[in-house]
Protein backbone atom coordinates (compact mmCIF):
# COMPACT_ATOMS: atom_id res chain seq x y z
CA MET A 1 20.63 15.54 0.18
CA SER A 2 17.00 15.54 1.32
CA ALA A 3 15.73 16.64 4.70
CA HIS A 4 14.74 13.04 5.46
CA GLY A 5 18.18 11.57 4.95
CA HIS A 6 18.90 8.49 2.87
CA VAL A 7 15.67 6.52 3.42
CA ASP A 8 12.89 4.93 1.40
CA LEU A 9 9.76 7.07 1.75
CA GLY A 10 7.59 4.60 -0.15
CA HIS A 11 6.60 6.72 -3.13
CA THR A 12 4.54 4.29 -5.23
CA VAL A 13 1.82 4.39 -7.86
CA ALA A 14 -0.67 3.14 -5.26
CA GLY A 15 0.38 5.81 -2.76
CA TRP A 16 0.28 8.70 -5.21
CA THR A 17 -3.03 7.62 -6.75
CA GLY A 18 -4.76 7.06 -3.42
CA THR A 19 -3.48 10.30 -1.94
CA THR A 20 -4.54 12.34 -4.96
CA MET A 21 -8.01 10.80 -5.04
CA ALA A 22 -8.49 11.28 -1.29
CA LEU A 23 -7.34 14.91 -1.53
CA LEU A 24 -9.80 15.59 -4.36
CA GLY A 25 -12.60 13.88 -2.44
CA PHE A 26 -11.95 15.87 0.74
CA ALA A 27 -11.67 19.11 -1.23
CA GLY A 28 -14.93 18.38 -3.05
CA ALA A 29 -16.71 17.50 0.19
CA GLY A 30 -15.33 20.64 1.83
CA ALA A 31 -16.52 22.83 -1.03
CA ALA A 32 -19.93 21.16 -0.85
CA VAL A 33 -20.10 21.90 2.90
CA CYS A 34 -19.39 25.57 2.18
CA ALA A 35 -22.11 25.57 -0.48
CA ALA A 36 -24.51 23.60 1.78
CA TRP A 37 -24.97 21.03 -0.99
CA VAL A 38 -25.64 17.67 0.67
CA PRO A 39 -25.30 15.50 -2.49
CA GLY A 40 -21.86 17.05 -3.10
CA ILE A 41 -20.78 16.11 0.43
CA LEU A 42 -21.83 12.52 -0.18
CA ILE A 43 -20.10 12.44 -3.58
CA GLY A 44 -16.88 13.79 -2.03
CA LEU A 45 -16.97 11.23 0.77
CA GLY A 46 -17.69 8.52 -1.80
CA VAL A 47 -14.54 9.54 -3.69
CA VAL A 48 -12.56 9.23 -0.43
CA VAL A 49 -13.87 5.70 0.11
CA LEU A 50 -13.11 4.89 -3.54
CA ALA A 51 -9.55 6.19 -3.01
CA GLY A 52 -9.02 3.62 -0.26
CA LEU A 53 -10.37 0.83 -2.44
CA VAL A 54 -8.25 1.84 -5.46
CA THR A 55 -5.12 2.08 -3.29
CA TRP A 56 -5.76 -1.38 -1.85
CA LEU A 57 -6.31 -2.91 -5.30
CA LEU A 58 -3.16 -1.27 -6.67
CA HIS A 59 -1.21 -2.61 -3.67
CA LEU A 60 -2.48 -6.12 -4.40
CA ALA A 61 -1.53 -5.68 -8.06
CA GLY A 62 2.08 -4.94 -7.10
CA ARG A 63 1.99 -1.15 -7.49
CA GLY A 64 2.44 -0.50 -3.77
CA LYS A 65 5.21 -1.54 -1.41
CA PRO A 66 5.52 -3.98 1.47
CA SER A 67 5.91 -2.74 5.02
CA GLY A 68 9.41 -1.81 6.09
CA PRO A 69 12.47 -0.68 4.16
CA ARG A 70 13.18 -1.78 0.61
CA PRO A 71 16.49 -2.18 -1.21
CA GLU A 72 17.67 1.08 -2.77
CA ALA A 73 17.25 -0.34 -6.29
CA GLU A 74 13.48 -0.55 -5.64
CA TRP A 75 13.02 3.04 -4.38
CA ASP A 76 11.78 4.41 -7.71
CA TRP A 77 7.99 4.83 -7.71
CA ARG A 78 7.62 2.91 -10.99
CA VAL A 79 9.20 -0.32 -9.68
CA ARG A 80 6.67 -3.11 -9.15
CA ASP A 81 6.57 -5.08 -5.93
CA THR A 82 7.43 -8.62 -6.95
CA GLY A 83 6.25 -10.13 -3.65
CA ALA A 84 2.71 -8.75 -3.90
CA ARG A 85 1.32 -11.77 -5.73
CA ALA A 86 2.08 -14.08 -2.82
CA GLY A 87 1.12 -11.50 -0.20
CA HIS A 88 3.05 -9.77 2.56
CA ALA A 89 3.40 -11.41 5.96
CA ASP A 90 2.47 -8.46 8.19
CA CYS A 91 0.09 -6.73 5.78
CA LEU A 92 -3.52 -6.19 6.80
CA GLY A 93 -4.49 -5.50 3.19
CA CYS A 94 -3.09 -8.83 2.04
CA ARG A 95 -4.86 -10.66 4.87
CA VAL A 96 -8.16 -8.99 3.97
CA ALA A 97 -7.65 -10.04 0.34
CA GLY A 98 -7.99 -13.69 1.24
CA SER A 99 -6.59 -16.54 3.24
CA ARG A 100 -4.50 -17.88 0.34
CA ARG A 101 -2.44 -14.68 0.19
CA ALA A 102 -1.96 -14.53 3.96
CA VAL A 103 -1.04 -18.22 4.25
CA GLY A 104 1.45 -17.90 1.38
CA ALA A 105 3.07 -14.86 2.95
CA VAL A 106 3.36 -16.45 6.39
CA ALA A 107 4.76 -19.68 4.91
CA ALA A 108 7.34 -17.72 2.91
CA THR A 109 8.37 -15.76 6.00
CA ARG A 110 8.71 -18.90 8.11
CA SER A 111 10.74 -20.74 5.50
CA SER A 112 13.09 -17.78 5.04
CA ALA A 113 13.44 -17.44 8.82
CA ALA A 114 14.29 -21.14 9.17
CA LEU A 115 16.90 -20.93 6.42
CA PRO A 116 19.56 -19.00 8.41
CA ALA A 117 19.07 -21.31 11.42
CA ALA A 118 19.65 -24.34 9.22
CA GLU A 119 22.78 -22.74 7.74
CA GLU A 120 24.23 -22.04 11.19
CA GLY A 121 23.92 -25.71 12.18
CA ALA A 122 25.67 -26.88 9.03
């Protein structure tokens, strides 16, 4: 049993890729600071910015995960997020990607929220 208990920690391709790129960028910028090499600092910081962009694009491509817990069958880091194409309701990255994604996610959330209410009245 892990120290974190039985929970989904969100290990995904987007998460691992972005974290690795950001770590390399910070390490490169730090080494450039020690060497007093200004272009190296800018290159390292550029890699950090690129890490954020790559992580966002991988999330939109379905290689990330939505906010909140996922079913245990989807905990493996290689499992694609099937809801990424339509967008996630409370996801800033999906809202930034465009209004079509955000509108689709909000509509899907509202329709699924209205479903149990309709079933109770039946």
